[in-house]
Amino acid sequence: EIYPSSVVGSGGTVVNAVIRLNAQAGPSGATVTLTSSNPSAASVPATVVIPAFASKGTVIVSHFTVATTQSVTITGTYRSTTGLGVLTVNP
């Protein structure tokens, strides 16, 4: 889940992506791989670590100035499960 889901690029709004697991992470935590479909409009860290026995974590999505409205898909993958959220970056 991404909030807010629409921003003005580089407009100072903090965008958070909440990464949720289907179950609690194990005692070593869980490392989720993150990607952006358009890193020139919005980027995410390569990974987020969900703490031990937790079921979610949060990362900040960096967003940048764009000339035209861009729809960016943020994808998280843990083991064989993938989830996604969409952020609209406006000029």
Protein backbone atom coordinates (compact mmCIF):
# COMPACT_ATOMS: atom_id res chain seq x y z
CA GLU A 1 0.00 0.00 0.00
CA ILE A 2 1.34 3.42 -0.96
CA TYR A 3 0.21 6.68 0.60
CA PRO A 4 -0.45 9.21 -0.59
CA SER A 5 -1.05 7.50 -3.94
CA SER A 6 -0.63 10.70 -5.99
CA VAL A 7 1.97 13.46 -5.56
CA VAL A 8 3.57 16.39 -7.33
CA GLY A 9 7.08 15.27 -8.26
CA SER A 10 9.72 16.56 -5.85
CA GLY A 11 6.98 18.56 -4.13
CA GLY A 12 8.14 17.84 -0.59
CA THR A 13 5.42 15.29 0.18
CA VAL A 14 6.69 12.20 1.99
CA VAL A 15 5.44 9.04 0.33
CA ASN A 16 5.42 5.81 2.33
CA ALA A 17 5.11 2.28 1.03
CA VAL A 18 3.87 -0.26 3.57
CA ILE A 19 5.15 -3.74 2.82
CA ARG A 20 2.92 -6.45 4.30
CA LEU A 21 3.65 -10.16 4.57
CA ASN A 22 0.92 -12.81 4.49
CA ALA A 23 2.23 -14.10 7.84
CA GLN A 24 4.73 -13.03 10.48
CA ALA A 25 8.41 -13.07 9.61
CA GLY A 26 10.49 -15.77 11.23
CA PRO A 27 13.04 -15.22 14.01
CA SER A 28 15.58 -13.87 11.50
CA GLY A 29 13.13 -11.42 9.91
CA ALA A 30 12.33 -11.28 6.21
CA THR A 31 14.13 -9.41 3.44
CA VAL A 32 11.76 -8.15 0.74
CA THR A 33 13.19 -7.08 -2.63
CA LEU A 34 11.74 -3.83 -4.00
CA THR A 35 11.70 -2.40 -7.52
CA SER A 36 10.24 0.62 -9.29
CA SER A 37 8.90 0.46 -12.84
CA ASN A 38 10.14 4.01 -13.43
CA PRO A 39 13.02 4.98 -11.12
CA SER A 40 13.44 8.35 -12.83
CA ALA A 41 9.99 9.33 -11.49
CA ALA A 42 9.99 7.41 -8.17
CA SER A 43 12.53 5.14 -6.56
CA VAL A 44 12.66 2.78 -3.60
CA PRO A 45 15.46 1.10 -1.66
CA ALA A 46 16.54 -2.25 -3.13
CA THR A 47 15.33 -4.12 -0.05
CA VAL A 48 13.41 -3.67 3.17
CA VAL A 49 13.91 -5.92 6.19
CA ILE A 50 10.77 -6.88 8.06
CA PRO A 51 11.77 -7.38 11.72
CA ALA A 52 11.56 -10.77 13.41
CA PHE A 53 7.98 -11.84 14.14
CA ALA A 54 6.54 -8.72 12.47
CA SER A 55 4.25 -8.77 9.46
CA LYS A 56 4.95 -5.35 7.91
CA GLY A 57 7.58 -2.71 7.31
CA THR A 58 7.63 0.78 5.83
CA VAL A 59 9.95 2.47 3.34
CA ILE A 60 10.03 6.00 1.97
CA VAL A 61 9.48 6.34 -1.78
CA SER A 62 11.61 9.12 -3.30
CA HIS A 63 9.85 11.02 -6.08
CA PHE A 64 11.26 13.45 -8.61
CA THR A 65 10.21 16.26 -10.93
CA VAL A 66 8.52 14.98 -14.09
CA ALA A 67 7.42 16.72 -17.30
CA THR A 68 4.24 14.64 -17.70
CA THR A 69 2.18 12.53 -15.31
CA GLN A 70 3.86 9.20 -14.61
CA SER A 71 2.30 6.06 -13.17
CA VAL A 72 4.92 4.10 -11.23
CA THR A 73 4.44 0.52 -10.07
CA ILE A 74 6.34 -0.39 -6.89
CA THR A 75 6.84 -4.15 -6.62
CA GLY A 76 7.83 -6.12 -3.55
CA THR A 77 8.95 -9.76 -3.76
CA TYR A 78 9.49 -12.17 -0.87
CA ARG A 79 10.31 -15.76 -1.74
CA SER A 80 7.87 -16.55 -4.55
CA THR A 81 5.21 -14.01 -3.59
CA THR A 82 4.92 -10.62 -5.28
CA GLY A 83 2.77 -7.63 -4.38
CA LEU A 84 2.52 -4.19 -5.88
CA GLY A 85 1.27 -0.67 -5.42
CA VAL A 86 0.92 2.24 -7.83
CA LEU A 87 2.06 5.83 -7.31
CA THR A 88 1.06 8.64 -9.66
CA VAL A 89 3.72 11.34 -9.95
CA ASN A 90 2.40 14.62 -11.37
CA PRO A 91 4.31 17.57 -12.86
